Amino acid sequence: MHCMSKKYFIIFPGLIIALIVAWYLISPVFRSSELDDAVPEFMEEVAHAPEEKVNALTIQVPATPGAVETVVVEEVGDRVQDEEDAENPVARIFAGPFVESAHHVEGSARILEGDDERVLRFEDFDTSDGPNLHIYLSSDLNATDFVDLGKIRATTGNINYDVDPSIDLEKYDKVLVWCVPFGVLFSYAEL
């Protein structure tokens, strides 16, 4: 009888720890959060500029998942004051759809860039939650060289993340939804 109580003394705490770890890993699947950030103010100004005073903008879109093709589309810019300003667009957009990796995802990622402001915007975004998810701008899908934009703000909706204008988007052209504790890529978008 005495041996049996020692056995339970060892098994019971182990079981409690296993349940806590299991809850930590599984509970995010049952959680979701929604956010609907407004389009950045500088982009609204661009969208409402008079037609005769519209500049150029380049959009990069993936031709297929994993392959990015640069496409020049009808371009937009801010209101122009003179001919010199007309040659320098003040708004650019880089965009790409989210692609599933370890978890289901929907929506797209866009970098909206104005004079001195840059925003990463998730549009119609929907994914499952996970333990300690972060948003990275990365040069690869393995997150060996990345800029951490912080914890995911929501798992559903239209979500904005501020991006330092000094970040090289030619180099950091991938948006990763990354699970930090397990080093797992949930999903990504190529800009």
N, C-alpha and C. Protein backbone atom coordinates (compact mmCIF):
# COMPACT_ATOMS: atom_id res chain seq x y z
N MET A 1 0.82 -1.19 0.00
CA MET A 1 0.00 0.00 0.00
C MET A 1 0.86 1.25 0.00
N HIS A 2 1.96 1.20 0.73
CA HIS A 2 2.86 2.35 0.82
C HIS A 2 3.50 2.65 -0.55
N CYS A 3 3.87 1.62 -1.31
CA CYS A 3 4.46 1.79 -2.65
C CYS A 3 3.46 2.40 -3.61
N MET A 4 2.21 2.05 -3.46
CA MET A 4 1.19 2.56 -4.37
C MET A 4 1.01 4.06 -4.18
N SER A 5 1.06 4.57 -2.97
CA SER A 5 0.89 6.01 -2.74
C SER A 5 2.07 6.79 -3.32
N LYS A 6 3.30 6.24 -3.28
CA LYS A 6 4.44 6.90 -3.90
C LYS A 6 4.27 6.96 -5.41
N LYS A 7 3.72 5.91 -5.97
CA LYS A 7 3.50 5.86 -7.40
C LYS A 7 2.53 6.97 -7.83
N TYR A 8 1.45 7.14 -7.09
CA TYR A 8 0.48 8.19 -7.41
C TYR A 8 1.08 9.57 -7.16
N PHE A 9 1.94 9.67 -6.19
CA PHE A 9 2.60 10.93 -5.87
C PHE A 9 3.46 11.40 -7.06
N ILE A 10 4.02 10.47 -7.81
CA ILE A 10 4.84 10.78 -8.98
C ILE A 10 3.97 10.98 -10.23
N ILE A 11 2.97 10.13 -10.42
CA ILE A 11 2.13 10.18 -11.62
C ILE A 11 1.22 11.41 -11.62
N PHE A 12 0.62 11.74 -10.49
CA PHE A 12 -0.34 12.83 -10.43
C PHE A 12 0.27 14.17 -10.86
N PRO A 13 1.41 14.61 -10.33
CA PRO A 13 2.01 15.88 -10.79
C PRO A 13 2.40 15.83 -12.28
N GLY A 14 2.86 14.65 -12.75
CA GLY A 14 3.20 14.51 -14.17
C GLY A 14 1.98 14.69 -15.05
N LEU A 15 0.85 14.15 -14.59
CA LEU A 15 -0.40 14.28 -15.33
C LEU A 15 -0.86 15.74 -15.36
N ILE A 16 -0.75 16.43 -14.26
CA ILE A 16 -1.12 17.84 -14.19
C ILE A 16 -0.26 18.66 -15.15
N ILE A 17 1.03 18.43 -15.17
CA ILE A 17 1.94 19.15 -16.06
C ILE A 17 1.59 18.85 -17.52
N ALA A 18 1.30 17.59 -17.84
CA ALA A 18 0.93 17.21 -19.21
C ALA A 18 -0.35 17.91 -19.64
N LEU A 19 -1.33 18.01 -18.73
CA LEU A 19 -2.58 18.71 -19.06
C LEU A 19 -2.35 20.20 -19.31
N ILE A 20 -1.50 20.81 -18.52
CA ILE A 20 -1.19 22.24 -18.70
C ILE A 20 -0.51 22.46 -20.05
N VAL A 21 0.45 21.64 -20.40
CA VAL A 21 1.15 21.76 -21.68
C VAL A 21 0.16 21.52 -22.83
N ALA A 22 -0.69 20.51 -22.70
CA ALA A 22 -1.68 20.22 -23.75
C ALA A 22 -2.63 21.40 -23.93
N TRP A 23 -3.08 22.00 -22.84
CA TRP A 23 -3.97 23.16 -22.94
C TRP A 23 -3.26 24.32 -23.62
N TYR A 24 -2.01 24.56 -23.27
CA TYR A 24 -1.23 25.63 -23.90
C TYR A 24 -1.13 25.43 -25.41
N LEU A 25 -0.95 24.19 -25.85
CA LEU A 25 -0.78 23.90 -27.27
C LEU A 25 -2.10 23.86 -28.03
N ILE A 26 -3.16 23.39 -27.40
CA ILE A 26 -4.42 23.19 -28.10
C ILE A 26 -5.37 24.38 -27.97
N SER A 27 -5.34 25.09 -26.88
CA SER A 27 -6.33 26.15 -26.64
C SER A 27 -6.35 27.24 -27.71
N PRO A 28 -5.23 27.61 -28.34
CA PRO A 28 -5.32 28.64 -29.37
C PRO A 28 -6.24 28.26 -30.53
N VAL A 29 -6.39 26.99 -30.78
CA VAL A 29 -7.27 26.55 -31.86
C VAL A 29 -8.70 26.99 -31.59
N PHE A 30 -9.08 27.10 -30.33
CA PHE A 30 -10.44 27.46 -29.97
C PHE A 30 -10.61 28.97 -29.74
N ARG A 31 -9.53 29.72 -29.86
CA ARG A 31 -9.60 31.16 -29.65
C ARG A 31 -9.49 31.85 -31.00
N SER A 32 -10.16 32.96 -31.12
CA SER A 32 -9.97 33.83 -32.28
C SER A 32 -10.25 35.25 -31.82
N SER A 33 -9.65 36.17 -32.50
CA SER A 33 -9.88 37.57 -32.19
C SER A 33 -10.06 38.31 -33.50
N GLU A 34 -10.88 39.32 -33.49
CA GLU A 34 -11.19 40.05 -34.71
C GLU A 34 -10.83 41.52 -34.54
N LEU A 35 -10.35 42.11 -35.64
CA LEU A 35 -9.96 43.51 -35.64
C LEU A 35 -10.29 44.07 -37.01
N ASP A 36 -10.73 45.31 -37.06
CA ASP A 36 -11.02 45.96 -38.33
C ASP A 36 -10.40 47.35 -38.33
N ASP A 37 -9.08 47.39 -38.57
CA ASP A 37 -8.37 48.67 -38.64
C ASP A 37 -8.78 49.41 -39.91
N ALA A 38 -8.82 50.72 -39.81
CA ALA A 38 -9.13 51.56 -40.97
C ALA A 38 -7.94 51.59 -41.92
N VAL A 39 -8.22 51.85 -43.18
CA VAL A 39 -7.15 52.06 -44.16
C VAL A 39 -6.35 53.26 -43.70
N PRO A 40 -5.01 53.20 -43.77
CA PRO A 40 -4.21 54.35 -43.32
C PRO A 40 -4.65 55.64 -44.01
N GLU A 41 -4.62 56.72 -43.25
CA GLU A 41 -5.10 58.01 -43.74
C GLU A 41 -4.41 58.45 -45.02
N PHE A 42 -3.11 58.23 -45.14
CA PHE A 42 -2.41 58.68 -46.33
C PHE A 42 -2.89 57.95 -47.58
N MET A 43 -3.39 56.70 -47.44
CA MET A 43 -3.92 55.98 -48.60
C MET A 43 -5.31 56.48 -48.97
N GLU A 44 -6.10 56.91 -48.00
CA GLU A 44 -7.42 57.48 -48.31
C GLU A 44 -7.26 58.74 -49.13
N GLU A 45 -6.25 59.56 -48.78
CA GLU A 45 -6.00 60.78 -49.54
C GLU A 45 -5.65 60.44 -50.99
N VAL A 46 -4.86 59.39 -51.19
CA VAL A 46 -4.49 58.98 -52.53
C VAL A 46 -5.72 58.53 -53.30
N ALA A 47 -6.56 57.73 -52.65
CA ALA A 47 -7.74 57.20 -53.33
C ALA A 47 -8.72 58.29 -53.72
N HIS A 48 -8.73 59.41 -53.00
CA HIS A 48 -9.67 60.49 -53.29
C HIS A 48 -9.04 61.64 -54.07
N ALA A 49 -7.82 61.45 -54.58
CA ALA A 49 -7.18 62.49 -55.38
C ALA A 49 -7.95 62.65 -56.68
N PRO A 50 -8.04 63.90 -57.21
CA PRO A 50 -8.73 64.10 -58.47
C PRO A 50 -8.07 63.29 -59.58
N GLU A 51 -8.88 62.80 -60.54
CA GLU A 51 -8.37 61.92 -61.58
C GLU A 51 -7.24 62.54 -62.39
N GLU A 52 -7.34 63.83 -62.69
CA GLU A 52 -6.31 64.47 -63.50
C GLU A 52 -5.01 64.68 -62.73
N LYS A 53 -5.02 64.45 -61.43
CA LYS A 53 -3.82 64.65 -60.62
C LYS A 53 -3.41 63.33 -59.96
N VAL A 54 -3.34 62.28 -60.75
CA VAL A 54 -2.98 60.97 -60.23
C VAL A 54 -1.63 60.55 -60.79
N ASN A 55 -0.77 60.02 -59.92
CA ASN A 55 0.58 59.59 -60.30
C ASN A 55 0.67 58.08 -60.47
N ALA A 56 1.91 57.59 -60.44
CA ALA A 56 2.16 56.18 -60.70
C ALA A 56 2.39 55.38 -59.43
N LEU A 57 2.06 54.11 -59.51
CA LEU A 57 2.21 53.17 -58.39
C LEU A 57 2.45 51.79 -58.96
N THR A 58 3.37 51.04 -58.37
CA THR A 58 3.69 49.70 -58.84
C THR A 58 3.16 48.68 -57.85
N ILE A 59 2.56 47.64 -58.36
CA ILE A 59 2.05 46.57 -57.51
C ILE A 59 2.75 45.28 -57.91
N GLN A 60 3.28 44.56 -56.94
CA GLN A 60 3.88 43.26 -57.20
C GLN A 60 2.90 42.20 -56.71
N VAL A 61 2.54 41.28 -57.60
CA VAL A 61 1.60 40.23 -57.23
C VAL A 61 2.19 38.88 -57.61
N PRO A 62 1.90 37.84 -56.82
CA PRO A 62 2.43 36.52 -57.17
C PRO A 62 1.65 35.95 -58.35
N ALA A 63 2.38 35.40 -59.32
CA ALA A 63 1.74 34.74 -60.46
C ALA A 63 1.16 33.41 -59.99
N THR A 64 1.92 32.70 -59.18
CA THR A 64 1.47 31.47 -58.53
C THR A 64 2.08 31.47 -57.14
N PRO A 65 1.54 30.69 -56.21
CA PRO A 65 2.15 30.66 -54.88
C PRO A 65 3.64 30.32 -54.98
N GLY A 66 4.45 31.16 -54.39
CA GLY A 66 5.90 30.93 -54.38
C GLY A 66 6.64 31.63 -55.50
N ALA A 67 5.93 32.14 -56.52
CA ALA A 67 6.59 32.84 -57.61
C ALA A 67 6.00 34.24 -57.72
N VAL A 68 6.83 35.25 -57.61
CA VAL A 68 6.35 36.63 -57.62
C VAL A 68 6.64 37.25 -58.97
N GLU A 69 5.64 37.93 -59.49
CA GLU A 69 5.77 38.60 -60.78
C GLU A 69 5.43 40.08 -60.56
N THR A 70 6.24 40.98 -61.09
CA THR A 70 5.97 42.40 -60.94
C THR A 70 5.04 42.83 -62.07
N VAL A 71 3.96 43.47 -61.70
CA VAL A 71 2.98 43.93 -62.68
C VAL A 71 2.77 45.41 -62.47
N VAL A 72 2.85 46.17 -63.54
CA VAL A 72 2.55 47.60 -63.45
C VAL A 72 1.07 47.75 -63.75
N VAL A 73 0.36 48.36 -62.84
CA VAL A 73 -1.08 48.55 -63.01
C VAL A 73 -1.36 50.04 -63.07
N GLU A 74 -2.63 50.39 -63.26
CA GLU A 74 -2.96 51.80 -63.25
C GLU A 74 -2.47 52.37 -61.94
N GLU A 75 -1.68 53.40 -62.03
CA GLU A 75 -0.97 53.85 -60.86
C GLU A 75 -1.64 55.05 -60.22
N VAL A 76 -1.48 55.15 -58.90
CA VAL A 76 -2.08 56.26 -58.18
C VAL A 76 -1.01 56.96 -57.37
N GLY A 77 -1.25 58.19 -57.05
CA GLY A 77 -0.33 58.95 -56.23
C GLY A 77 -1.09 59.99 -55.46
N ASP A 78 -0.40 60.83 -54.74
CA ASP A 78 -1.02 61.89 -53.98
C ASP A 78 -1.27 63.08 -54.89
N ARG A 79 -1.97 64.06 -54.39
CA ARG A 79 -2.19 65.28 -55.16
C ARG A 79 -0.83 65.90 -55.49
N VAL A 80 -0.67 66.32 -56.72
CA VAL A 80 0.62 66.88 -57.14
C VAL A 80 0.56 68.39 -57.07
N GLN A 81 1.65 68.98 -56.62
CA GLN A 81 1.73 70.44 -56.51
C GLN A 81 2.36 71.05 -57.75
N ASP A 82 3.34 70.36 -58.33
CA ASP A 82 3.99 70.88 -59.53
C ASP A 82 4.55 69.72 -60.34
N GLU A 83 5.20 70.01 -61.45
CA GLU A 83 5.72 68.96 -62.33
C GLU A 83 6.76 68.10 -61.63
N GLU A 84 7.60 68.69 -60.78
CA GLU A 84 8.63 67.92 -60.09
C GLU A 84 7.99 66.85 -59.20
N ASP A 85 6.93 67.21 -58.46
CA ASP A 85 6.23 66.24 -57.62
C ASP A 85 5.56 65.16 -58.46
N ALA A 86 5.10 65.52 -59.66
CA ALA A 86 4.40 64.56 -60.51
C ALA A 86 5.31 63.40 -60.92
N GLU A 87 6.62 63.63 -60.97
CA GLU A 87 7.55 62.59 -61.37
C GLU A 87 7.87 61.62 -60.24
N ASN A 88 7.59 61.98 -59.00
CA ASN A 88 7.91 61.16 -57.84
C ASN A 88 6.64 60.71 -57.13
N PRO A 89 6.14 59.50 -57.42
CA PRO A 89 4.94 59.05 -56.74
C PRO A 89 5.16 58.95 -55.25
N VAL A 90 4.14 59.29 -54.49
CA VAL A 90 4.28 59.24 -53.03
C VAL A 90 3.59 58.04 -52.43
N ALA A 91 2.99 57.20 -53.25
CA ALA A 91 2.32 56.02 -52.71
C ALA A 91 2.71 54.82 -53.55
N ARG A 92 3.07 53.73 -52.86
CA ARG A 92 3.36 52.47 -53.52
C ARG A 92 2.66 51.37 -52.76
N ILE A 93 2.34 50.30 -53.48
CA ILE A 93 1.71 49.15 -52.85
C ILE A 93 2.41 47.89 -53.34
N PHE A 94 2.79 47.02 -52.39
CA PHE A 94 3.29 45.70 -52.70
C PHE A 94 2.27 44.74 -52.10
N ALA A 95 1.83 43.74 -52.85
CA ALA A 95 0.77 42.89 -52.34
C ALA A 95 0.97 41.43 -52.73
N GLY A 96 0.40 40.55 -51.93
CA GLY A 96 0.41 39.12 -52.24
C GLY A 96 -0.59 38.39 -51.38
N PRO A 97 -1.18 37.30 -51.89
CA PRO A 97 -2.13 36.52 -51.10
C PRO A 97 -1.40 35.65 -50.07
N PHE A 98 -2.08 35.37 -48.97
CA PHE A 98 -1.51 34.45 -47.99
C PHE A 98 -1.58 33.03 -48.52
N VAL A 99 -0.55 32.25 -48.22
CA VAL A 99 -0.43 30.86 -48.65
C VAL A 99 -0.34 30.00 -47.39
N GLU A 100 -1.07 28.89 -47.39
CA GLU A 100 -1.03 27.98 -46.24
C GLU A 100 0.33 27.32 -46.13
N SER A 101 0.77 27.12 -44.89
CA SER A 101 1.95 26.32 -44.63
C SER A 101 1.53 25.25 -43.63
N ALA A 102 1.61 25.53 -42.33
CA ALA A 102 1.20 24.56 -41.32
C ALA A 102 -0.28 24.68 -40.97
N HIS A 103 -0.91 25.84 -41.28
CA HIS A 103 -2.30 26.07 -40.89
C HIS A 103 -3.06 26.80 -41.99
N HIS A 104 -4.37 26.63 -41.97
CA HIS A 104 -5.27 27.27 -42.92
C HIS A 104 -5.16 28.79 -42.79
N VAL A 105 -5.25 29.47 -43.92
CA VAL A 105 -5.22 30.94 -43.92
C VAL A 105 -5.98 31.45 -45.13
N GLU A 106 -6.54 32.64 -45.00
CA GLU A 106 -7.20 33.34 -46.10
C GLU A 106 -6.79 34.80 -46.03
N GLY A 107 -6.91 35.49 -47.16
CA GLY A 107 -6.67 36.92 -47.19
C GLY A 107 -5.39 37.28 -47.92
N SER A 108 -5.03 38.55 -47.80
CA SER A 108 -3.83 39.04 -48.48
C SER A 108 -3.08 39.99 -47.57
N ALA A 109 -1.81 40.18 -47.91
CA ALA A 109 -0.96 41.13 -47.21
C ALA A 109 -0.57 42.21 -48.19
N ARG A 110 -0.57 43.45 -47.74
CA ARG A 110 -0.19 44.59 -48.58
C ARG A 110 0.71 45.52 -47.78
N ILE A 111 1.75 46.00 -48.44
CA ILE A 111 2.54 47.08 -47.86
C ILE A 111 2.04 48.36 -48.51
N LEU A 112 1.55 49.28 -47.70
CA LEU A 112 1.09 50.58 -48.17
C LEU A 112 2.14 51.59 -47.76
N GLU A 113 2.61 52.34 -48.71
CA GLU A 113 3.72 53.25 -48.44
C GLU A 113 3.39 54.65 -48.92
N GLY A 114 3.55 55.62 -48.04
CA GLY A 114 3.34 57.02 -48.37
C GLY A 114 4.63 57.78 -48.21
N ASP A 115 4.54 59.09 -48.07
CA ASP A 115 5.73 59.94 -47.95
C ASP A 115 6.71 59.43 -46.91
N ASP A 116 6.33 59.45 -45.65
CA ASP A 116 7.21 59.01 -44.56
C ASP A 116 6.55 57.94 -43.72
N GLU A 117 5.65 57.21 -44.31
CA GLU A 117 4.89 56.23 -43.54
C GLU A 117 4.77 54.94 -44.35
N ARG A 118 4.81 53.83 -43.63
CA ARG A 118 4.68 52.52 -44.28
C ARG A 118 3.87 51.63 -43.35
N VAL A 119 2.89 50.93 -43.92
CA VAL A 119 2.01 50.07 -43.14
C VAL A 119 1.88 48.72 -43.84
N LEU A 120 2.01 47.64 -43.06
CA LEU A 120 1.68 46.31 -43.54
C LEU A 120 0.23 46.09 -43.17
N ARG A 121 -0.60 45.80 -44.16
CA ARG A 121 -2.04 45.64 -43.92
C ARG A 121 -2.48 44.25 -44.35
N PHE A 122 -3.10 43.52 -43.42
CA PHE A 122 -3.73 42.25 -43.73
C PHE A 122 -5.18 42.57 -44.10
N GLU A 123 -5.63 42.09 -45.25
CA GLU A 123 -7.00 42.33 -45.67
C GLU A 123 -7.75 41.01 -45.81
N ASP A 124 -8.99 40.99 -45.27
CA ASP A 124 -9.83 39.80 -45.26
C ASP A 124 -9.05 38.60 -44.72
N PHE A 125 -8.27 38.85 -43.68
CA PHE A 125 -7.40 37.85 -43.09
C PHE A 125 -8.20 36.92 -42.20
N ASP A 126 -7.86 35.63 -42.24
CA ASP A 126 -8.50 34.65 -41.36
C ASP A 126 -7.55 33.47 -41.19
N THR A 127 -7.17 33.20 -39.95
CA THR A 127 -6.30 32.07 -39.63
C THR A 127 -6.62 31.56 -38.24
N SER A 128 -6.08 30.41 -37.90
CA SER A 128 -6.23 29.91 -36.53
C SER A 128 -5.16 30.56 -35.66
N ASP A 129 -5.42 30.61 -34.38
CA ASP A 129 -4.47 31.18 -33.44
C ASP A 129 -3.46 30.11 -33.07
N GLY A 130 -2.40 30.50 -32.44
CA GLY A 130 -1.39 29.57 -31.99
C GLY A 130 -0.62 30.17 -30.83
N PRO A 131 0.24 29.40 -30.21
CA PRO A 131 1.01 29.94 -29.10
C PRO A 131 2.06 30.93 -29.59
N ASN A 132 1.97 32.16 -29.09
CA ASN A 132 2.96 33.21 -29.33
C ASN A 132 3.26 33.41 -30.82
N LEU A 133 2.21 33.72 -31.60
CA LEU A 133 2.39 34.01 -33.03
C LEU A 133 2.93 35.42 -33.21
N HIS A 134 3.92 35.56 -34.08
CA HIS A 134 4.49 36.86 -34.41
C HIS A 134 4.41 37.08 -35.92
N ILE A 135 4.46 38.33 -36.31
CA ILE A 135 4.46 38.70 -37.72
C ILE A 135 5.87 39.14 -38.07
N TYR A 136 6.46 38.48 -39.06
CA TYR A 136 7.82 38.77 -39.50
C TYR A 136 7.80 39.27 -40.95
N LEU A 137 8.68 40.21 -41.25
CA LEU A 137 9.08 40.48 -42.62
C LEU A 137 10.39 39.74 -42.76
N SER A 138 10.50 38.86 -43.75
CA SER A 138 11.64 37.97 -43.82
C SER A 138 12.20 37.88 -45.23
N SER A 139 13.46 37.50 -45.31
CA SER A 139 14.10 37.30 -46.61
C SER A 139 13.90 35.87 -47.11
N ASP A 140 13.43 34.98 -46.23
CA ASP A 140 13.20 33.59 -46.62
C ASP A 140 12.05 33.02 -45.79
N LEU A 141 11.63 31.83 -46.12
CA LEU A 141 10.50 31.20 -45.42
C LEU A 141 10.92 30.46 -44.16
N ASN A 142 12.22 30.40 -43.87
CA ASN A 142 12.72 29.72 -42.67
C ASN A 142 13.00 30.68 -41.52
N ALA A 143 12.73 31.97 -41.74
CA ALA A 143 12.95 33.00 -40.72
C ALA A 143 14.39 33.00 -40.20
N THR A 144 15.35 32.88 -41.13
CA THR A 144 16.75 32.97 -40.72
C THR A 144 17.21 34.42 -40.68
N ASP A 145 16.56 35.29 -41.47
CA ASP A 145 16.87 36.72 -41.50
C ASP A 145 15.54 37.45 -41.59
N PHE A 146 15.13 38.09 -40.49
CA PHE A 146 13.78 38.68 -40.45
C PHE A 146 13.75 39.93 -39.58
N VAL A 147 12.66 40.68 -39.74
CA VAL A 147 12.34 41.82 -38.88
C VAL A 147 11.03 41.46 -38.19
N ASP A 148 11.03 41.47 -36.86
CA ASP A 148 9.86 41.10 -36.07
C ASP A 148 8.97 42.33 -35.89
N LEU A 149 7.74 42.26 -36.40
CA LEU A 149 6.78 43.36 -36.26
C LEU A 149 5.92 43.21 -35.00
N GLY A 150 6.18 42.16 -34.23
CA GLY A 150 5.47 41.97 -32.97
C GLY A 150 4.45 40.85 -33.04
N LYS A 151 3.74 40.70 -31.92
CA LYS A 151 2.72 39.64 -31.82
C LYS A 151 1.58 39.92 -32.78
N ILE A 152 0.94 38.83 -33.22
CA ILE A 152 -0.22 38.96 -34.08
C ILE A 152 -1.29 39.73 -33.31
N ARG A 153 -1.91 40.71 -33.96
CA ARG A 153 -2.88 41.56 -33.27
C ARG A 153 -4.28 40.96 -33.28
N ALA A 154 -4.59 40.14 -34.28
CA ALA A 154 -5.89 39.48 -34.38
C ALA A 154 -5.77 38.35 -35.39
N THR A 155 -6.69 37.40 -35.32
CA THR A 155 -6.66 36.27 -36.25
C THR A 155 -7.67 36.43 -37.39
N THR A 156 -8.51 37.44 -37.32
CA THR A 156 -9.53 37.68 -38.34
C THR A 156 -9.69 39.17 -38.56
N GLY A 157 -9.86 39.57 -39.83
CA GLY A 157 -10.20 40.95 -40.13
C GLY A 157 -9.20 41.67 -41.01
N ASN A 158 -9.21 42.99 -40.88
CA ASN A 158 -8.30 43.90 -41.59
C ASN A 158 -7.40 44.51 -40.53
N ILE A 159 -6.11 44.21 -40.62
CA ILE A 159 -5.20 44.52 -39.51
C ILE A 159 -3.99 45.27 -40.03
N ASN A 160 -3.61 46.36 -39.36
CA ASN A 160 -2.46 47.17 -39.74
C ASN A 160 -1.30 46.96 -38.78
N TYR A 161 -0.09 46.92 -39.35
CA TYR A 161 1.16 46.87 -38.58
C TYR A 161 2.06 47.97 -39.12
N ASP A 162 2.58 48.80 -38.24
CA ASP A 162 3.52 49.83 -38.67
C ASP A 162 4.84 49.19 -39.07
N VAL A 163 5.41 49.69 -40.16
CA VAL A 163 6.69 49.19 -40.67
C VAL A 163 7.64 50.37 -40.80
N ASP A 164 8.82 50.25 -40.23
CA ASP A 164 9.82 51.31 -40.32
C ASP A 164 10.18 51.55 -41.79
N PRO A 165 10.11 52.80 -42.25
CA PRO A 165 10.43 53.09 -43.66
C PRO A 165 11.86 52.73 -44.06
N SER A 166 12.74 52.53 -43.10
CA SER A 166 14.13 52.18 -43.44
C SER A 166 14.31 50.70 -43.80
N ILE A 167 13.29 49.87 -43.57
CA ILE A 167 13.40 48.44 -43.87
C ILE A 167 13.42 48.24 -45.39
N ASP A 168 14.36 47.46 -45.85
CA ASP A 168 14.53 47.18 -47.28
C ASP A 168 13.52 46.12 -47.73
N LEU A 169 12.48 46.55 -48.43
CA LEU A 169 11.44 45.62 -48.87
C LEU A 169 11.87 44.76 -50.05
N GLU A 170 12.95 45.13 -50.70
CA GLU A 170 13.49 44.25 -51.75
C GLU A 170 14.09 43.00 -51.09
N LYS A 171 14.68 43.19 -49.92
CA LYS A 171 15.28 42.07 -49.18
C LYS A 171 14.24 41.32 -48.36
N TYR A 172 13.46 42.05 -47.58
CA TYR A 172 12.45 41.45 -46.70
C TYR A 172 11.10 41.46 -47.41
N ASP A 173 10.96 40.58 -48.39
CA ASP A 173 9.80 40.59 -49.27
C ASP A 173 8.78 39.49 -48.96
N LYS A 174 8.90 38.88 -47.79
CA LYS A 174 7.96 37.84 -47.38
C LYS A 174 7.37 38.21 -46.02
N VAL A 175 6.07 38.01 -45.89
CA VAL A 175 5.38 38.22 -44.62
C VAL A 175 5.10 36.85 -44.04
N LEU A 176 5.61 36.60 -42.83
CA LEU A 176 5.43 35.30 -42.19
C LEU A 176 4.55 35.42 -40.96
N VAL A 177 3.64 34.48 -40.78
CA VAL A 177 2.94 34.30 -39.51
C VAL A 177 3.68 33.15 -38.85
N TRP A 178 4.45 33.47 -37.80
CA TRP A 178 5.43 32.54 -37.24
C TRP A 178 5.12 32.20 -35.80
N CYS A 179 5.11 30.91 -35.47
CA CYS A 179 4.94 30.43 -34.10
C CYS A 179 6.32 30.39 -33.46
N VAL A 180 6.59 31.32 -32.56
CA VAL A 180 7.92 31.49 -31.97
C VAL A 180 8.37 30.28 -31.15
N PRO A 181 7.55 29.76 -30.20
CA PRO A 181 8.06 28.69 -29.34
C PRO A 181 8.46 27.42 -30.10
N PHE A 182 7.78 27.14 -31.21
CA PHE A 182 8.03 25.90 -31.93
C PHE A 182 8.75 26.11 -33.25
N GLY A 183 9.01 27.37 -33.61
CA GLY A 183 9.70 27.66 -34.87
C GLY A 183 8.93 27.13 -36.07
N VAL A 184 7.60 27.35 -36.08
CA VAL A 184 6.75 26.82 -37.15
C VAL A 184 6.15 27.97 -37.96
N LEU A 185 6.23 27.85 -39.27
CA LEU A 185 5.61 28.79 -40.19
C LEU A 185 4.14 28.43 -40.34
N PHE A 186 3.25 29.29 -39.83
CA PHE A 186 1.82 29.05 -39.96
C PHE A 186 1.37 29.31 -41.39
N SER A 187 1.77 30.48 -41.92
CA SER A 187 1.40 30.87 -43.28
C SER A 187 2.30 32.01 -43.70
N TYR A 188 2.24 32.36 -44.99
CA TYR A 188 3.09 33.43 -45.48
C TYR A 188 2.47 34.08 -46.72
N ALA A 189 2.97 35.27 -47.02
CA ALA A 189 2.60 35.98 -48.25
C ALA A 189 3.89 36.52 -48.84
N GLU A 190 4.02 36.44 -50.16
CA GLU A 190 5.17 37.01 -50.84
C GLU A 190 4.73 38.33 -51.45
N LEU A 191 5.49 39.38 -51.17
CA LEU A 191 5.14 40.71 -51.68
C LEU A 191 5.77 40.97 -53.02
